[in-house]
Amino acid sequence: QLCLVLTTRLADAEGFPRVASLLESVVKFFAPGTVHTLFVVVPDSDLGLVANAAAALHRYTRGGALFAVEVLPDSRLQTADQATYERFTPILEKEAGGRGVNYRLQMLLKLAIAELVPTQFYITLDSDVLMHRPTRFQDLVVDGRAIIQAETRQATRHRESWWESSDALLRARGCVVANQTARVGV
């Protein structure tokens, strides 16, 4: 089994309304027994409403849900306050066209949840993800290794500085930057 992780917030006018479609597709296409728990990480201010919605979903399925749903406040996973994340977000990312503080916080939360996940593998989801075919654990984990979605530098949405940072983080000594066909999981 594996876990699913969704970070979302009610204030996301484009993304949050899509969560219902995401959940419907997960229930429809994941094979029974594949998903252990769906973790939904939300800002503390959204916790009550989202937790009530999760409880209603459980009642609606008469307790026969395919997997557990656990709603967590993001403060349970954060190691600093919002002001700290804002301070460490580059100025270019705070301005128009940048992904901003919330994007960075979302990525950190998706990593921090690993501390609470009881399974060896987990998948991070975004509100705009939809399942479109039946999926089993064996489709996602092959020979004990998780499959990845990889990008090349030619077909990417990332800036050159992202590739350089990835190269440094992976201690690839130029392999990622110098090799035009190199792939990095995203």
C-alpha atoms as a PDB file:
ATOM      1  CA  GLN A   1       0.000   0.000   0.000  1.00  0.00           C
ATOM      2  CA  LEU A   2       0.928   3.629  -0.384  1.00  0.00           C
ATOM      3  CA  CYS A   3      -0.359   6.960   0.884  1.00  0.00           C
ATOM      4  CA  LEU A   4      -1.596   9.989  -0.985  1.00  0.00           C
ATOM      5  CA  VAL A   5      -0.832  13.548   0.096  1.00  0.00           C
ATOM      6  CA  LEU A   6      -2.804  16.598  -0.964  1.00  0.00           C
ATOM      7  CA  THR A   7      -1.889  20.099   0.159  1.00  0.00           C
ATOM      8  CA  THR A   8      -4.682  22.563  -0.498  1.00  0.00           C
ATOM      9  CA  ARG A   9      -6.355  25.658   0.864  1.00  0.00           C
ATOM     10  CA  LEU A  10      -9.825  27.110   0.650  1.00  0.00           C
ATOM     11  CA  ALA A  11      -8.413  30.437  -0.597  1.00  0.00           C
ATOM     12  CA  ASP A  12      -7.156  28.745  -3.788  1.00  0.00           C
ATOM     13  CA  ALA A  13     -10.032  29.906  -5.990  1.00  0.00           C
ATOM     14  CA  GLU A  14      -8.857  27.875  -8.988  1.00  0.00           C
ATOM     15  CA  GLY A  15      -7.560  24.758  -7.278  1.00  0.00           C
ATOM     16  CA  PHE A  16      -9.816  24.041  -4.317  1.00  0.00           C
ATOM     17  CA  PRO A  17     -13.025  23.540  -6.347  1.00  0.00           C
ATOM     18  CA  ARG A  18     -11.179  20.815  -8.286  1.00  0.00           C
ATOM     19  CA  VAL A  19     -10.539  18.722  -5.160  1.00  0.00           C
ATOM     20  CA  ALA A  20     -13.927  16.999  -5.484  1.00  0.00           C
ATOM     21  CA  SER A  21     -13.061  15.822  -9.009  1.00  0.00           C
ATOM     22  CA  LEU A  22      -9.644  14.658  -7.840  1.00  0.00           C
ATOM     23  CA  LEU A  23     -11.160  12.615  -5.001  1.00  0.00           C
ATOM     24  CA  GLU A  24     -13.820  11.156  -7.273  1.00  0.00           C
ATOM     25  CA  SER A  25     -11.164  10.012  -9.738  1.00  0.00           C
ATOM     26  CA  VAL A  26      -8.994   8.553  -6.950  1.00  0.00           C
ATOM     27  CA  VAL A  27     -11.931   6.524  -5.613  1.00  0.00           C
ATOM     28  CA  LYS A  28     -12.917   5.411  -9.095  1.00  0.00           C
ATOM     29  CA  PHE A  29      -9.502   4.409 -10.457  1.00  0.00           C
ATOM     30  CA  PHE A  30      -7.281   3.253  -7.584  1.00  0.00           C
ATOM     31  CA  ALA A  31      -7.667  -0.481  -7.098  1.00  0.00           C
ATOM     32  CA  PRO A  32      -9.052  -1.464  -3.678  1.00  0.00           C
ATOM     33  CA  GLY A  33      -6.247  -1.960  -1.192  1.00  0.00           C
ATOM     34  CA  THR A  34      -3.782   0.298  -3.029  1.00  0.00           C
ATOM     35  CA  VAL A  35      -4.220   3.428  -0.924  1.00  0.00           C
ATOM     36  CA  HIS A  36      -3.638   3.241   2.819  1.00  0.00           C
ATOM     37  CA  THR A  37      -4.399   6.859   3.774  1.00  0.00           C
ATOM     38  CA  LEU A  38      -5.112  10.143   2.053  1.00  0.00           C
ATOM     39  CA  PHE A  39      -3.460  12.970   4.010  1.00  0.00           C
ATOM     40  CA  VAL A  40      -4.997  16.381   3.333  1.00  0.00           C
ATOM     41  CA  VAL A  41      -2.778  19.181   4.621  1.00  0.00           C
ATOM     42  CA  VAL A  42      -4.468  22.572   4.974  1.00  0.00           C
ATOM     43  CA  PRO A  43      -3.783  25.905   6.671  1.00  0.00           C
ATOM     44  CA  ASP A  44      -4.850  25.905  10.303  1.00  0.00           C
ATOM     45  CA  SER A  45      -7.666  28.344   9.483  1.00  0.00           C
ATOM     46  CA  ASP A  46      -9.178  25.818   7.015  1.00  0.00           C
ATOM     47  CA  LEU A  47      -8.895  22.792   9.286  1.00  0.00           C
ATOM     48  CA  GLY A  48     -12.416  22.772  10.738  1.00  0.00           C
ATOM     49  CA  LEU A  49     -14.263  23.078   7.448  1.00  0.00           C
ATOM     50  CA  VAL A  50     -12.103  20.571   5.570  1.00  0.00           C
ATOM     51  CA  ALA A  51     -12.193  18.079   8.471  1.00  0.00           C
ATOM     52  CA  ASN A  52     -16.000  18.334   8.527  1.00  0.00           C
ATOM     53  CA  ALA A  53     -16.111  17.670   4.789  1.00  0.00           C
ATOM     54  CA  ALA A  54     -13.886  14.600   5.251  1.00  0.00           C
ATOM     55  CA  ALA A  55     -16.161  13.339   8.048  1.00  0.00           C
ATOM     56  CA  ALA A  56     -19.207  13.848   5.829  1.00  0.00           C
ATOM     57  CA  LEU A  57     -17.519  11.853   3.072  1.00  0.00           C
ATOM     58  CA  HIS A  58     -16.906   9.031   5.550  1.00  0.00           C
ATOM     59  CA  ARG A  59     -20.568   9.094   6.642  1.00  0.00           C
ATOM     60  CA  TYR A  60     -21.700   9.201   3.008  1.00  0.00           C
ATOM     61  CA  THR A  61     -19.783   6.001   2.264  1.00  0.00           C
ATOM     62  CA  ARG A  62     -21.229   4.538   5.489  1.00  0.00           C
ATOM     63  CA  GLY A  63     -17.729   3.953   6.758  1.00  0.00           C
ATOM     64  CA  GLY A  64     -16.944   1.793   3.739  1.00  0.00           C
ATOM     65  CA  ALA A  65     -14.370   4.140   2.266  1.00  0.00           C
ATOM     66  CA  LEU A  66     -11.527   2.518   0.345  1.00  0.00           C
ATOM     67  CA  PHE A  67      -8.962   4.265   2.539  1.00  0.00           C
ATOM     68  CA  ALA A  68      -8.617   6.474   5.570  1.00  0.00           C
ATOM     69  CA  VAL A  69      -8.659  10.259   5.199  1.00  0.00           C
ATOM     70  CA  GLU A  70      -6.646  12.306   7.668  1.00  0.00           C
ATOM     71  CA  VAL A  71      -6.855  16.097   7.618  1.00  0.00           C
ATOM     72  CA  LEU A  72      -3.863  17.862   9.157  1.00  0.00           C
ATOM     73  CA  PRO A  73      -3.117  21.501   9.912  1.00  0.00           C
ATOM     74  CA  ASP A  74       0.018  22.667   8.157  1.00  0.00           C
ATOM     75  CA  SER A  75       1.382  23.923  11.493  1.00  0.00           C
ATOM     76  CA  ARG A  76       1.873  20.276  12.486  1.00  0.00           C
ATOM     77  CA  LEU A  77       4.482  19.980   9.743  1.00  0.00           C
ATOM     78  CA  GLN A  78       5.974  23.470   9.671  1.00  0.00           C
ATOM     79  CA  THR A  79       9.189  24.206  11.492  1.00  0.00           C
ATOM     80  CA  ALA A  80       8.890  27.986  11.175  1.00  0.00           C
ATOM     81  CA  ASP A  81       6.210  30.648  10.970  1.00  0.00           C
ATOM     82  CA  GLN A  82       4.885  32.193   7.744  1.00  0.00           C
ATOM     83  CA  ALA A  83       7.090  35.274   8.146  1.00  0.00           C
ATOM     84  CA  THR A  84      10.199  33.105   8.025  1.00  0.00           C
ATOM     85  CA  TYR A  85       9.115  31.465   4.758  1.00  0.00           C
ATOM     86  CA  GLU A  86       8.352  34.905   3.330  1.00  0.00           C
ATOM     87  CA  ARG A  87      11.781  36.162   4.356  1.00  0.00           C
ATOM     88  CA  PHE A  88      13.573  33.276   2.602  1.00  0.00           C
ATOM     89  CA  THR A  89      11.579  33.477  -0.624  1.00  0.00           C
ATOM     90  CA  PRO A  90      13.634  35.232  -3.332  1.00  0.00           C
ATOM     91  CA  ILE A  91      12.330  38.659  -4.358  1.00  0.00           C
ATOM     92  CA  LEU A  92      11.835  37.572  -7.981  1.00  0.00           C
ATOM     93  CA  GLU A  93       9.547  34.789  -6.783  1.00  0.00           C
ATOM     94  CA  LYS A  94       7.414  37.209  -4.774  1.00  0.00           C
ATOM     95  CA  GLU A  95       6.806  39.489  -7.752  1.00  0.00           C
ATOM     96  CA  ALA A  96       4.428  38.987 -10.663  1.00  0.00           C
ATOM     97  CA  GLY A  97       5.231  35.821 -12.540  1.00  0.00           C
ATOM     98  CA  GLY A  98       6.977  34.148  -9.615  1.00  0.00           C
ATOM     99  CA  ARG A  99       5.531  31.202  -7.758  1.00  0.00           C
ATOM    100  CA  GLY A 100       5.734  32.933  -4.401  1.00  0.00           C
ATOM    101  CA  VAL A 101       5.753  31.895  -0.780  1.00  0.00           C
ATOM    102  CA  ASN A 102       2.716  29.593  -0.844  1.00  0.00           C
ATOM    103  CA  TYR A 103       4.217  27.455  -3.608  1.00  0.00           C
ATOM    104  CA  ARG A 104       7.449  26.984  -1.660  1.00  0.00           C
ATOM    105  CA  LEU A 105       5.563  26.207   1.525  1.00  0.00           C
ATOM    106  CA  GLN A 106       3.474  23.632  -0.334  1.00  0.00           C
ATOM    107  CA  MET A 107       6.632  21.876  -1.578  1.00  0.00           C
ATOM    108  CA  LEU A 108       8.102  21.820   1.945  1.00  0.00           C
ATOM    109  CA  LEU A 109       4.883  20.387   3.381  1.00  0.00           C
ATOM    110  CA  LYS A 110       4.919  17.623   0.765  1.00  0.00           C
ATOM    111  CA  LEU A 111       8.384  16.653   1.974  1.00  0.00           C
ATOM    112  CA  ALA A 112       7.681  17.113   5.688  1.00  0.00           C
ATOM    113  CA  ILE A 113       4.686  14.745   5.632  1.00  0.00           C
ATOM    114  CA  ALA A 114       7.140  11.855   5.136  1.00  0.00           C
ATOM    115  CA  GLU A 115       7.618  11.887   8.909  1.00  0.00           C
ATOM    116  CA  LEU A 116       3.966  10.850   9.402  1.00  0.00           C
ATOM    117  CA  VAL A 117       3.425   8.531   6.441  1.00  0.00           C
ATOM    118  CA  PRO A 118       3.210   4.908   7.645  1.00  0.00           C
ATOM    119  CA  THR A 119       3.934   3.338   4.246  1.00  0.00           C
ATOM    120  CA  GLN A 120       7.197   3.051   2.331  1.00  0.00           C
ATOM    121  CA  PHE A 121       5.838   5.104  -0.576  1.00  0.00           C
ATOM    122  CA  TYR A 122       3.579   8.096  -0.984  1.00  0.00           C
ATOM    123  CA  ILE A 123       2.340  10.190  -3.879  1.00  0.00           C
ATOM    124  CA  THR A 124       1.927  13.948  -3.667  1.00  0.00           C
ATOM    125  CA  LEU A 125      -1.099  15.329  -5.444  1.00  0.00           C
ATOM    126  CA  ASP A 126      -2.197  18.736  -6.637  1.00  0.00           C
ATOM    127  CA  SER A 127      -5.806  19.824  -6.891  1.00  0.00           C
ATOM    128  CA  ASP A 128      -5.664  19.701 -10.684  1.00  0.00           C
ATOM    129  CA  VAL A 129      -4.578  16.047 -10.839  1.00  0.00           C
ATOM    130  CA  LEU A 130      -7.146  13.596 -12.160  1.00  0.00           C
ATOM    131  CA  MET A 131      -6.793   9.845 -12.437  1.00  0.00           C
ATOM    132  CA  HIS A 132      -7.856   8.589 -15.855  1.00  0.00           C
ATOM    133  CA  ARG A 133      -7.250   4.855 -15.766  1.00  0.00           C
ATOM    134  CA  PRO A 134      -7.317   1.992 -13.287  1.00  0.00           C
ATOM    135  CA  THR A 135      -4.170   1.983 -11.169  1.00  0.00           C
ATOM    136  CA  ARG A 136      -2.696  -0.648  -8.879  1.00  0.00           C
ATOM    137  CA  PHE A 137       0.250  -0.513  -6.512  1.00  0.00           C
ATOM    138  CA  GLN A 138       2.237  -2.598  -9.021  1.00  0.00           C
ATOM    139  CA  ASP A 139       1.729   0.108 -11.650  1.00  0.00           C
ATOM    140  CA  LEU A 140       3.487   2.653  -9.426  1.00  0.00           C
ATOM    141  CA  VAL A 141       6.136   0.565  -7.696  1.00  0.00           C
ATOM    142  CA  VAL A 142       8.174  -1.771  -9.900  1.00  0.00           C
ATOM    143  CA  ASP A 143      10.794  -4.091  -8.407  1.00  0.00           C
ATOM    144  CA  GLY A 144      10.601  -2.207  -5.117  1.00  0.00           C
ATOM    145  CA  ARG A 145      11.261   1.170  -6.749  1.00  0.00           C
ATOM    146  CA  ALA A 146       8.784   3.957  -7.378  1.00  0.00           C
ATOM    147  CA  ILE A 147       8.373   5.204 -10.909  1.00  0.00           C
ATOM    148  CA  ILE A 148       8.957   8.919 -11.501  1.00  0.00           C
ATOM    149  CA  GLN A 149       7.870  11.623 -13.882  1.00  0.00           C
ATOM    150  CA  ALA A 150      11.012  13.037 -15.430  1.00  0.00           C
ATOM    151  CA  GLU A 151      11.745  16.117 -17.514  1.00  0.00           C
ATOM    152  CA  THR A 152      14.594  16.953 -19.823  1.00  0.00           C
ATOM    153  CA  ARG A 153      16.046  20.444 -20.026  1.00  0.00           C
ATOM    154  CA  GLN A 154      14.650  20.860 -23.552  1.00  0.00           C
ATOM    155  CA  ALA A 155      11.053  20.098 -22.543  1.00  0.00           C
ATOM    156  CA  THR A 156      10.806  21.869 -19.231  1.00  0.00           C
ATOM    157  CA  ARG A 157       9.019  24.680 -17.499  1.00  0.00           C
ATOM    158  CA  HIS A 158      11.954  25.312 -15.152  1.00  0.00           C
ATOM    159  CA  ARG A 159      14.471  28.121 -15.344  1.00  0.00           C
ATOM    160  CA  GLU A 160      18.142  27.375 -15.959  1.00  0.00           C
ATOM    161  CA  SER A 161      18.843  28.257 -12.316  1.00  0.00           C
ATOM    162  CA  TRP A 162      16.503  25.421 -11.246  1.00  0.00           C
ATOM    163  CA  TRP A 163      18.607  22.922 -13.203  1.00  0.00           C
ATOM    164  CA  GLU A 164      21.816  24.330 -11.732  1.00  0.00           C
ATOM    165  CA  SER A 165      20.373  24.086  -8.215  1.00  0.00           C
ATOM    166  CA  SER A 166      19.247  20.510  -8.865  1.00  0.00           C
ATOM    167  CA  ASP A 167      22.723  19.617 -10.073  1.00  0.00           C
ATOM    168  CA  ALA A 168      24.241  21.056  -6.877  1.00  0.00           C
ATOM    169  CA  LEU A 169      21.652  19.445  -4.599  1.00  0.00           C
ATOM    170  CA  LEU A 170      22.160  16.033  -6.206  1.00  0.00           C
ATOM    171  CA  ARG A 171      25.944  16.508  -6.090  1.00  0.00           C
ATOM    172  CA  ALA A 172      25.938  15.596  -9.772  1.00  0.00           C
ATOM    173  CA  ARG A 173      29.106  17.625 -10.496  1.00  0.00           C
ATOM    174  CA  GLY A 174      27.753  19.049 -13.728  1.00  0.00           C
ATOM    175  CA  CYS A 175      26.034  15.919 -15.033  1.00  0.00           C
ATOM    176  CA  VAL A 176      22.586  17.492 -14.902  1.00  0.00           C
ATOM    177  CA  VAL A 177      23.685  20.848 -16.320  1.00  0.00           C
ATOM    178  CA  ALA A 178      26.113  19.596 -18.988  1.00  0.00           C
ATOM    179  CA  ASN A 179      24.042  16.688 -20.307  1.00  0.00           C
ATOM    180  CA  GLN A 180      21.238  17.945 -22.538  1.00  0.00           C
ATOM    181  CA  THR A 181      19.377  14.625 -22.266  1.00  0.00           C
ATOM    182  CA  ALA A 182      19.643  14.374 -18.477  1.00  0.00           C
ATOM    183  CA  ARG A 183      16.351  13.852 -16.706  1.00  0.00           C
ATOM    184  CA  VAL A 184      15.340  14.974 -13.261  1.00  0.00           C
ATOM    185  CA  GLY A 185      12.241  13.678 -11.491  1.00  0.00           C
ATOM    186  CA  VAL A 186       9.687  16.386 -10.878  1.00  0.00           C
END
